[in-house]
């Protein structure tokens, strides 16, 4: 994240009976786990988006990994070019 920015990590699972996260992640105040009825990835993304409180959103699936500086680079572009509404980046899948 760029200096002066903070983030939240919404972990949304579409099976309320199967939301196990490592203890270190649960203790992190930036992590907000949630679950809802099974509805597939689209429903899980929509539910997470409704819970999001940030200015920008980056969606990742459970097997995706962002490369270093991906969020900082995207924020820099969005902040310096207000005419741009979204960005993409490589995701390590």
PDB file of N, CA and C in Angstrom:
ATOM      1  N   UNK A   1       0.841  -1.181   0.000  1.00  0.00           N
ATOM      2  CA  UNK A   1       0.000   0.000   0.000  1.00  0.00           C
ATOM      3  C   UNK A   1       0.888   1.248   0.000  1.00  0.00           C
ATOM      4  N   UNK A   2       0.423   2.301  -0.646  1.00  0.00           N
ATOM      5  CA  UNK A   2       1.182   3.553  -0.601  1.00  0.00           C
ATOM      6  C   UNK A   2       1.198   4.133   0.816  1.00  0.00           C
ATOM      7  N   UNK A   3       2.196   4.957   1.092  1.00  0.00           N
ATOM      8  CA  UNK A   3       2.257   5.624   2.389  1.00  0.00           C
ATOM      9  C   UNK A   3       0.968   6.403   2.631  1.00  0.00           C
ATOM     10  N   UNK A   4       0.467   6.312   3.841  1.00  0.00           N
ATOM     11  CA  UNK A   4      -0.745   7.035   4.207  1.00  0.00           C
ATOM     12  C   UNK A   4      -2.039   6.304   3.898  1.00  0.00           C
ATOM     13  N   UNK A   5      -1.960   5.167   3.246  1.00  0.00           N
ATOM     14  CA  UNK A   5      -3.148   4.391   2.910  1.00  0.00           C
ATOM     15  C   UNK A   5      -3.240   3.186   3.840  1.00  0.00           C
ATOM     16  N   UNK A   6      -4.447   2.763   4.097  1.00  0.00           N
ATOM     17  CA  UNK A   6      -4.662   1.525   4.846  1.00  0.00           C
ATOM     18  C   UNK A   6      -5.664   0.685   4.068  1.00  0.00           C
ATOM     19  N   UNK A   7      -5.758  -0.560   4.423  1.00  0.00           N
ATOM     20  CA  UNK A   7      -6.668  -1.429   3.695  1.00  0.00           C
ATOM     21  C   UNK A   7      -7.374  -2.396   4.604  1.00  0.00           C
ATOM     22  N   UNK A   8      -8.391  -3.003   4.065  1.00  0.00           N
ATOM     23  CA  UNK A   8      -9.094  -4.075   4.761  1.00  0.00           C
ATOM     24  C   UNK A   8      -9.107  -5.272   3.831  1.00  0.00           C
ATOM     25  N   UNK A   9      -9.143  -6.447   4.400  1.00  0.00           N
ATOM     26  CA  UNK A   9      -9.161  -7.678   3.625  1.00  0.00           C
ATOM     27  C   UNK A   9     -10.455  -8.391   3.974  1.00  0.00           C
ATOM     28  N   UNK A  10     -11.391  -8.388   3.044  1.00  0.00           N
ATOM     29  CA  UNK A  10     -12.666  -9.066   3.241  1.00  0.00           C
ATOM     30  C   UNK A  10     -12.541 -10.479   2.707  1.00  0.00           C
ATOM     31  N   UNK A  11     -12.634 -11.450   3.586  1.00  0.00           N
ATOM     32  CA  UNK A  11     -12.590 -12.855   3.201  1.00  0.00           C
ATOM     33  C   UNK A  11     -14.029 -13.337   3.200  1.00  0.00           C
ATOM     34  N   UNK A  12     -14.574 -13.574   2.026  1.00  0.00           N
ATOM     35  CA  UNK A  12     -15.980 -13.964   1.900  1.00  0.00           C
ATOM     36  C   UNK A  12     -16.057 -15.400   1.409  1.00  0.00           C
ATOM     37  N   UNK A  13     -16.746 -16.229   2.144  1.00  0.00           N
ATOM     38  CA  UNK A  13     -16.884 -17.637   1.786  1.00  0.00           C
ATOM     39  C   UNK A  13     -18.357 -17.927   1.564  1.00  0.00           C
ATOM     40  N   UNK A  14     -18.660 -18.738   0.579  1.00  0.00           N
ATOM     41  CA  UNK A  14     -20.069 -19.005   0.287  1.00  0.00           C
ATOM     42  C   UNK A  14     -20.565 -20.319   0.892  1.00  0.00           C
ATOM     43  N   UNK A  15     -19.945 -20.725   1.990  1.00  0.00           N
ATOM     44  CA  UNK A  15     -20.412 -21.899   2.732  1.00  0.00           C
ATOM     45  C   UNK A  15     -20.206 -21.618   4.218  1.00  0.00           C
ATOM     46  N   UNK A  16     -21.268 -21.220   4.936  1.00  0.00           N
ATOM     47  CA  UNK A  16     -21.122 -20.841   6.345  1.00  0.00           C
ATOM     48  C   UNK A  16     -20.509 -21.924   7.222  1.00  0.00           C
ATOM     49  N   UNK A  17     -20.584 -23.173   6.813  1.00  0.00           N
ATOM     50  CA  UNK A  17     -20.054 -24.249   7.652  1.00  0.00           C
ATOM     51  C   UNK A  17     -18.558 -24.474   7.444  1.00  0.00           C
ATOM     52  N   UNK A  18     -17.939 -23.746   6.515  1.00  0.00           N
ATOM     53  CA  UNK A  18     -16.544 -24.027   6.161  1.00  0.00           C
ATOM     54  C   UNK A  18     -15.720 -22.744   6.041  1.00  0.00           C
ATOM     55  N   UNK A  19     -15.665 -21.961   7.115  1.00  0.00           N
ATOM     56  CA  UNK A  19     -14.870 -20.736   7.091  1.00  0.00           C
ATOM     57  C   UNK A  19     -13.791 -20.831   8.156  1.00  0.00           C
ATOM     58  N   UNK A  20     -12.743 -21.576   7.841  1.00  0.00           N
ATOM     59  CA  UNK A  20     -11.610 -21.709   8.755  1.00  0.00           C
ATOM     60  C   UNK A  20     -10.452 -20.896   8.217  1.00  0.00           C
ATOM     61  N   UNK A  21      -9.939 -20.003   9.050  1.00  0.00           N
ATOM     62  CA  UNK A  21      -8.788 -19.193   8.689  1.00  0.00           C
ATOM     63  C   UNK A  21      -7.690 -19.418   9.718  1.00  0.00           C
ATOM     64  N   UNK A  22      -6.432 -19.318   9.303  1.00  0.00           N
ATOM     65  CA  UNK A  22      -5.341 -19.446  10.274  1.00  0.00           C
ATOM     66  C   UNK A  22      -5.469 -18.396  11.380  1.00  0.00           C
ATOM     67  N   UNK A  23      -5.068 -18.764  12.587  1.00  0.00           N
ATOM     68  CA  UNK A  23      -5.218 -17.882  13.750  1.00  0.00           C
ATOM     69  C   UNK A  23      -4.532 -16.536  13.539  1.00  0.00           C
ATOM     70  N   UNK A  24      -3.379 -16.514  12.907  1.00  0.00           N
ATOM     71  CA  UNK A  24      -2.661 -15.251  12.688  1.00  0.00           C
ATOM     72  C   UNK A  24      -3.473 -14.297  11.820  1.00  0.00           C
ATOM     73  N   UNK A  25      -4.199 -14.835  10.864  1.00  0.00           N
ATOM     74  CA  UNK A  25      -5.027 -13.994  10.003  1.00  0.00           C
ATOM     75  C   UNK A  25      -6.231 -13.480  10.776  1.00  0.00           C
ATOM     76  N   UNK A  26      -6.851 -14.321  11.558  1.00  0.00           N
ATOM     77  CA  UNK A  26      -8.031 -13.919  12.330  1.00  0.00           C
ATOM     78  C   UNK A  26      -7.671 -12.806  13.317  1.00  0.00           C
ATOM     79  N   UNK A  27      -6.469 -12.844  13.883  1.00  0.00           N
ATOM     80  CA  UNK A  27      -6.038 -11.819  14.846  1.00  0.00           C
ATOM     81  C   UNK A  27      -5.736 -10.474  14.180  1.00  0.00           C
ATOM     82  N   UNK A  28      -5.512 -10.478  12.882  1.00  0.00           N
ATOM     83  CA  UNK A  28      -5.190  -9.246  12.163  1.00  0.00           C
ATOM     84  C   UNK A  28      -6.457  -8.396  12.039  1.00  0.00           C
ATOM     85  N   UNK A  29      -6.443  -7.199  12.592  1.00  0.00           N
ATOM     86  CA  UNK A  29      -7.621  -6.329  12.604  1.00  0.00           C
ATOM     87  C   UNK A  29      -8.055  -5.879  11.209  1.00  0.00           C
ATOM     88  N   UNK A  30      -7.185  -6.007  10.221  1.00  0.00           N
ATOM     89  CA  UNK A  30      -7.550  -5.624   8.853  1.00  0.00           C
ATOM     90  C   UNK A  30      -8.390  -6.688   8.160  1.00  0.00           C
ATOM     91  N   UNK A  31      -8.411  -7.894   8.711  1.00  0.00           N
ATOM     92  CA  UNK A  31      -9.128  -9.017   8.098  1.00  0.00           C
ATOM     93  C   UNK A  31     -10.548  -9.064   8.641  1.00  0.00           C
ATOM     94  N   UNK A  32     -11.511  -9.105   7.724  1.00  0.00           N
ATOM     95  CA  UNK A  32     -12.916  -9.194   8.104  1.00  0.00           C
ATOM     96  C   UNK A  32     -13.543 -10.405   7.411  1.00  0.00           C
ATOM     97  N   UNK A  33     -13.569 -11.554   8.090  1.00  0.00           N
ATOM     98  CA  UNK A  33     -14.163 -12.741   7.479  1.00  0.00           C
ATOM     99  C   UNK A  33     -15.685 -12.652   7.454  1.00  0.00           C
ATOM    100  N   UNK A  34     -16.276 -13.318   6.491  1.00  0.00           N
ATOM    101  CA  UNK A  34     -17.726 -13.383   6.395  1.00  0.00           C
ATOM    102  C   UNK A  34     -18.145 -14.592   5.588  1.00  0.00           C
ATOM    103  N   UNK A  35     -19.378 -14.992   5.761  1.00  0.00           N
ATOM    104  CA  UNK A  35     -19.912 -16.106   4.978  1.00  0.00           C
ATOM    105  C   UNK A  35     -21.385 -15.850   4.716  1.00  0.00           C
ATOM    106  N   UNK A  36     -21.884 -16.512   3.716  1.00  0.00           N
ATOM    107  CA  UNK A  36     -23.292 -16.401   3.337  1.00  0.00           C
ATOM    108  C   UNK A  36     -23.708 -17.736   2.732  1.00  0.00           C
ATOM    109  N   UNK A  37     -24.974 -17.846   2.454  1.00  0.00           N
ATOM    110  CA  UNK A  37     -25.479 -19.087   1.857  1.00  0.00           C
ATOM    111  C   UNK A  37     -24.704 -19.396   0.577  1.00  0.00           C
ATOM    112  N   UNK A  38     -24.636 -20.659   0.248  1.00  0.00           N
ATOM    113  CA  UNK A  38     -23.924 -21.072  -0.960  1.00  0.00           C
ATOM    114  C   UNK A  38     -24.621 -20.483  -2.182  1.00  0.00           C
ATOM    115  N   UNK A  39     -23.865 -19.784  -3.001  1.00  0.00           N
ATOM    116  CA  UNK A  39     -24.414 -19.207  -4.217  1.00  0.00           C
ATOM    117  C   UNK A  39     -23.376 -19.079  -5.308  1.00  0.00           C
ATOM    118  N   UNK A  40     -22.172 -19.543  -5.032  1.00  0.00           N
ATOM    119  CA  UNK A  40     -21.113 -19.474  -6.021  1.00  0.00           C
ATOM    120  C   UNK A  40     -20.287 -18.205  -5.896  1.00  0.00           C
ATOM    121  N   UNK A  41     -19.249 -18.102  -6.722  1.00  0.00           N
ATOM    122  CA  UNK A  41     -18.326 -16.975  -6.633  1.00  0.00           C
ATOM    123  C   UNK A  41     -18.985 -15.610  -6.858  1.00  0.00           C
ATOM    124  N   UNK A  42     -19.933 -15.530  -7.759  1.00  0.00           N
ATOM    125  CA  UNK A  42     -20.589 -14.250  -8.038  1.00  0.00           C
ATOM    126  C   UNK A  42     -21.333 -13.708  -6.834  1.00  0.00           C
ATOM    127  N   UNK A  43     -22.049 -14.579  -6.140  1.00  0.00           N
ATOM    128  CA  UNK A  43     -22.771 -14.163  -4.935  1.00  0.00           C
ATOM    129  C   UNK A  43     -21.779 -13.771  -3.847  1.00  0.00           C
ATOM    130  N   UNK A  44     -20.723 -14.550  -3.669  1.00  0.00           N
ATOM    131  CA  UNK A  44     -19.719 -14.231  -2.646  1.00  0.00           C
ATOM    132  C   UNK A  44     -19.087 -12.867  -2.916  1.00  0.00           C
ATOM    133  N   UNK A  45     -18.769 -12.567  -4.164  1.00  0.00           N
ATOM    134  CA  UNK A  45     -18.187 -11.262  -4.503  1.00  0.00           C
ATOM    135  C   UNK A  45     -19.166 -10.131  -4.213  1.00  0.00           C
ATOM    136  N   UNK A  46     -20.430 -10.331  -4.559  1.00  0.00           N
ATOM    137  CA  UNK A  46     -21.440  -9.302  -4.328  1.00  0.00           C
ATOM    138  C   UNK A  46     -21.630  -9.037  -2.843  1.00  0.00           C
ATOM    139  N   UNK A  47     -21.690 -10.094  -2.044  1.00  0.00           N
ATOM    140  CA  UNK A  47     -21.844  -9.936  -0.598  1.00  0.00           C
ATOM    141  C   UNK A  47     -20.631  -9.211  -0.017  1.00  0.00           C
ATOM    142  N   UNK A  48     -19.437  -9.580  -0.442  1.00  0.00           N
ATOM    143  CA  UNK A  48     -18.224  -8.912   0.048  1.00  0.00           C
ATOM    144  C   UNK A  48     -18.212  -7.443  -0.363  1.00  0.00           C
ATOM    145  N   UNK A  49     -18.615  -7.153  -1.580  1.00  0.00           N
ATOM    146  CA  UNK A  49     -18.643  -5.770  -2.051  1.00  0.00           C
ATOM    147  C   UNK A  49     -19.601  -4.928  -1.214  1.00  0.00           C
ATOM    148  N   UNK A  50     -20.716  -5.515  -0.800  1.00  0.00           N
ATOM    149  CA  UNK A  50     -21.662  -4.797   0.062  1.00  0.00           C
ATOM    150  C   UNK A  50     -21.046  -4.476   1.421  1.00  0.00           C
ATOM    151  N   UNK A  51     -20.110  -5.290   1.872  1.00  0.00           N
ATOM    152  CA  UNK A  51     -19.465  -5.078   3.171  1.00  0.00           C
ATOM    153  C   UNK A  51     -18.260  -4.154   3.092  1.00  0.00           C
ATOM    154  N   UNK A  52     -17.772  -3.890   1.899  1.00  0.00           N
ATOM    155  CA  UNK A  52     -16.542  -3.116   1.728  1.00  0.00           C
ATOM    156  C   UNK A  52     -16.748  -1.661   2.133  1.00  0.00           C
ATOM    157  N   UNK A  53     -15.742  -1.108   2.787  1.00  0.00           N
ATOM    158  CA  UNK A  53     -15.835   0.273   3.222  1.00  0.00           C
ATOM    159  C   UNK A  53     -14.789   1.174   2.597  1.00  0.00           C
ATOM    160  N   UNK A  54     -14.018   0.653   1.680  1.00  0.00           N
ATOM    161  CA  UNK A  54     -12.916   1.420   1.118  1.00  0.00           C
ATOM    162  C   UNK A  54     -13.288   2.221  -0.108  1.00  0.00           C
ATOM    163  N   UNK A  55     -12.330   3.001  -0.545  1.00  0.00           N
ATOM    164  CA  UNK A  55     -12.490   3.825  -1.741  1.00  0.00           C
ATOM    165  C   UNK A  55     -12.320   2.998  -3.011  1.00  0.00           C
ATOM    166  N   UNK A  56     -11.429   2.015  -2.955  1.00  0.00           N
ATOM    167  CA  UNK A  56     -11.154   1.142  -4.091  1.00  0.00           C
ATOM    168  C   UNK A  56     -11.318  -0.313  -3.673  1.00  0.00           C
ATOM    169  N   UNK A  57     -11.607  -1.163  -4.652  1.00  0.00           N
ATOM    170  CA  UNK A  57     -11.793  -2.593  -4.396  1.00  0.00           C
ATOM    171  C   UNK A  57     -10.936  -3.377  -5.376  1.00  0.00           C
ATOM    172  N   UNK A  58     -10.275  -4.411  -4.882  1.00  0.00           N
ATOM    173  CA  UNK A  58      -9.553  -5.348  -5.752  1.00  0.00           C
ATOM    174  C   UNK A  58     -10.072  -6.733  -5.412  1.00  0.00           C
ATOM    175  N   UNK A  59     -10.617  -7.407  -6.380  1.00  0.00           N
ATOM    176  CA  UNK A  59     -11.165  -8.745  -6.163  1.00  0.00           C
ATOM    177  C   UNK A  59     -10.100  -9.800  -6.449  1.00  0.00           C
ATOM    178  N   UNK A  60      -9.990 -10.751  -5.535  1.00  0.00           N
ATOM    179  CA  UNK A  60      -9.101 -11.894  -5.733  1.00  0.00           C
ATOM    180  C   UNK A  60      -9.858 -13.162  -5.387  1.00  0.00           C
ATOM    181  N   UNK A  61      -9.601 -14.209  -6.123  1.00  0.00           N
ATOM    182  CA  UNK A  61     -10.132 -15.517  -5.766  1.00  0.00           C
ATOM    183  C   UNK A  61      -9.154 -16.191  -4.809  1.00  0.00           C
ATOM    184  N   UNK A  62      -9.585 -17.282  -4.205  1.00  0.00           N
ATOM    185  CA  UNK A  62      -8.791 -17.921  -3.152  1.00  0.00           C
ATOM    186  C   UNK A  62      -7.436 -18.438  -3.632  1.00  0.00           C
ATOM    187  N   UNK A  63      -7.283 -18.664  -4.922  1.00  0.00           N
ATOM    188  CA  UNK A  63      -6.007 -19.181  -5.421  1.00  0.00           C
ATOM    189  C   UNK A  63      -5.157 -18.108  -6.105  1.00  0.00           C
ATOM    190  N   UNK A  64      -5.549 -16.849  -5.999  1.00  0.00           N
ATOM    191  CA  UNK A  64      -4.817 -15.754  -6.628  1.00  0.00           C
ATOM    192  C   UNK A  64      -3.826 -15.125  -5.651  1.00  0.00           C
ATOM    193  N   UNK A  65      -2.727 -14.626  -6.190  1.00  0.00           N
ATOM    194  CA  UNK A  65      -1.723 -13.908  -5.408  1.00  0.00           C
ATOM    195  C   UNK A  65      -1.347 -12.653  -6.193  1.00  0.00           C
ATOM    196  N   UNK A  66      -1.419 -11.501  -5.541  1.00  0.00           N
ATOM    197  CA  UNK A  66      -1.010 -10.260  -6.195  1.00  0.00           C
ATOM    198  C   UNK A  66       0.513 -10.147  -6.194  1.00  0.00           C
ATOM    199  N   UNK A  67       1.083  -9.657  -7.288  1.00  0.00           N
ATOM    200  CA  UNK A  67       2.522  -9.405  -7.278  1.00  0.00           C
ATOM    201  C   UNK A  67       2.841  -8.216  -6.369  1.00  0.00           C
ATOM    202  N   UNK A  68       4.095  -8.084  -5.948  1.00  0.00           N
ATOM    203  CA  UNK A  68       4.473  -6.955  -5.104  1.00  0.00           C
ATOM    204  C   UNK A  68       4.109  -5.621  -5.763  1.00  0.00           C
ATOM    205  N   UNK A  69       3.661  -4.695  -4.968  1.00  0.00           N
ATOM    206  CA  UNK A  69       3.330  -3.327  -5.395  1.00  0.00           C
ATOM    207  C   UNK A  69       2.099  -3.222  -6.288  1.00  0.00           C
ATOM    208  N   UNK A  70       1.359  -4.288  -6.495  1.00  0.00           N
ATOM    209  CA  UNK A  70       0.189  -4.231  -7.378  1.00  0.00           C
ATOM    210  C   UNK A  70      -0.838  -3.218  -6.884  1.00  0.00           C
ATOM    211  N   UNK A  71      -1.117  -3.218  -5.591  1.00  0.00           N
ATOM    212  CA  UNK A  71      -2.101  -2.273  -5.060  1.00  0.00           C
ATOM    213  C   UNK A  71      -1.578  -0.840  -5.133  1.00  0.00           C
ATOM    214  N   UNK A  72      -0.339  -0.629  -4.753  1.00  0.00           N
ATOM    215  CA  UNK A  72       0.243   0.718  -4.803  1.00  0.00           C
ATOM    216  C   UNK A  72       0.258   1.251  -6.232  1.00  0.00           C
ATOM    217  N   UNK A  73       0.611   0.410  -7.186  1.00  0.00           N
ATOM    218  CA  UNK A  73       0.642   0.833  -8.588  1.00  0.00           C
ATOM    219  C   UNK A  73      -0.754   1.205  -9.081  1.00  0.00           C
ATOM    220  N   UNK A  74      -1.752   0.398  -8.736  1.00  0.00           N
ATOM    221  CA  UNK A  74      -3.124   0.676  -9.164  1.00  0.00           C
ATOM    222  C   UNK A  74      -3.633   1.973  -8.542  1.00  0.00           C
ATOM    223  N   UNK A  75      -3.368   2.159  -7.258  1.00  0.00           N
ATOM    224  CA  UNK A  75      -3.812   3.381  -6.583  1.00  0.00           C
ATOM    225  C   UNK A  75      -3.142   4.603  -7.200  1.00  0.00           C
ATOM    226  N   UNK A  76      -1.865   4.510  -7.516  1.00  0.00           N
ATOM    227  CA  UNK A  76      -1.154   5.636  -8.129  1.00  0.00           C
ATOM    228  C   UNK A  76      -1.791   6.030  -9.457  1.00  0.00           C
ATOM    229  N   UNK A  77      -2.144   5.051 -10.269  1.00  0.00           N
ATOM    230  CA  UNK A  77      -2.788   5.336 -11.554  1.00  0.00           C
ATOM    231  C   UNK A  77      -4.156   5.967 -11.336  1.00  0.00           C
ATOM    232  N   UNK A  78      -4.957   5.382 -10.467  1.00  0.00           N
ATOM    233  CA  UNK A  78      -6.312   5.889 -10.233  1.00  0.00           C
ATOM    234  C   UNK A  78      -6.304   7.296  -9.636  1.00  0.00           C
ATOM    235  N   UNK A  79      -5.372   7.563  -8.745  1.00  0.00           N
ATOM    236  CA  UNK A  79      -5.303   8.880  -8.116  1.00  0.00           C
ATOM    237  C   UNK A  79      -4.777   9.952  -9.074  1.00  0.00           C
ATOM    238  N   UNK A  80      -3.880   9.597  -9.968  1.00  0.00           N
ATOM    239  CA  UNK A  80      -3.297  10.590 -10.873  1.00  0.00           C
ATOM    240  C   UNK A  80      -4.084  10.757 -12.173  1.00  0.00           C
ATOM    241  N   UNK A  81      -5.021   9.852 -12.425  1.00  0.00           N
ATOM    242  CA  UNK A  81      -5.844   9.923 -13.640  1.00  0.00           C
ATOM    243  C   UNK A  81      -7.310   9.688 -13.269  1.00  0.00           C
ATOM    244  N   UNK A  82      -8.006  10.709 -12.761  1.00  0.00           N
ATOM    245  CA  UNK A  82      -9.387  10.511 -12.308  1.00  0.00           C
ATOM    246  C   UNK A  82     -10.347  10.076 -13.414  1.00  0.00           C
ATOM    247  N   UNK A  83      -9.949  10.228 -14.667  1.00  0.00           N
ATOM    248  CA  UNK A  83     -10.805   9.783 -15.766  1.00  0.00           C
ATOM    249  C   UNK A  83     -10.796   8.262 -15.922  1.00  0.00           C
ATOM    250  N   UNK A  84      -9.853   7.589 -15.266  1.00  0.00           N
ATOM    251  CA  UNK A  84      -9.775   6.126 -15.317  1.00  0.00           C
ATOM    252  C   UNK A  84     -10.621   5.556 -14.187  1.00  0.00           C
ATOM    253  N   UNK A  85     -11.478   4.618 -14.497  1.00  0.00           N
ATOM    254  CA  UNK A  85     -12.392   4.064 -13.502  1.00  0.00           C
ATOM    255  C   UNK A  85     -11.968   2.737 -12.910  1.00  0.00           C
ATOM    256  N   UNK A  86     -11.037   2.025 -13.556  1.00  0.00           N
ATOM    257  CA  UNK A  86     -10.606   0.727 -13.028  1.00  0.00           C
ATOM    258  C   UNK A  86      -9.258   0.352 -13.621  1.00  0.00           C
ATOM    259  N   UNK A  87      -8.584  -0.561 -12.950  1.00  0.00           N
ATOM    260  CA  UNK A  87      -7.296  -1.059 -13.424  1.00  0.00           C
ATOM    261  C   UNK A  87      -7.296  -2.582 -13.363  1.00  0.00           C
ATOM    262  N   UNK A  88      -6.341  -3.158 -14.034  1.00  0.00           N
ATOM    263  CA  UNK A  88      -6.102  -4.597 -13.937  1.00  0.00           C
ATOM    264  C   UNK A  88      -4.618  -4.800 -13.661  1.00  0.00           C
ATOM    265  N   UNK A  89      -4.257  -5.997 -13.315  1.00  0.00           N
ATOM    266  CA  UNK A  89      -2.848  -6.327 -13.129  1.00  0.00           C
ATOM    267  C   UNK A  89      -2.688  -7.826 -13.317  1.00  0.00           C
ATOM    268  N   UNK A  90      -1.461  -8.230 -13.431  1.00  0.00           N
ATOM    269  CA  UNK A  90      -1.185  -9.661 -13.473  1.00  0.00           C
ATOM    270  C   UNK A  90      -1.497 -10.247 -12.105  1.00  0.00           C
ATOM    271  N   UNK A  91      -2.030 -11.429 -12.113  1.00  0.00           N
ATOM    272  CA  UNK A  91      -2.285 -12.154 -10.870  1.00  0.00           C
ATOM    273  C   UNK A  91      -1.568 -13.483 -10.983  1.00  0.00           C
ATOM    274  N   UNK A  92      -0.847 -13.835  -9.946  1.00  0.00           N
ATOM    275  CA  UNK A  92      -0.166 -15.120  -9.930  1.00  0.00           C
ATOM    276  C   UNK A  92      -1.182 -16.164  -9.522  1.00  0.00           C
ATOM    277  N   UNK A  93      -1.562 -17.007 -10.448  1.00  0.00           N
ATOM    278  CA  UNK A  93      -2.652 -17.959 -10.225  1.00  0.00           C
ATOM    279  C   UNK A  93      -2.111 -19.344  -9.948  1.00  0.00           C
TER     280      UNK A  93
END
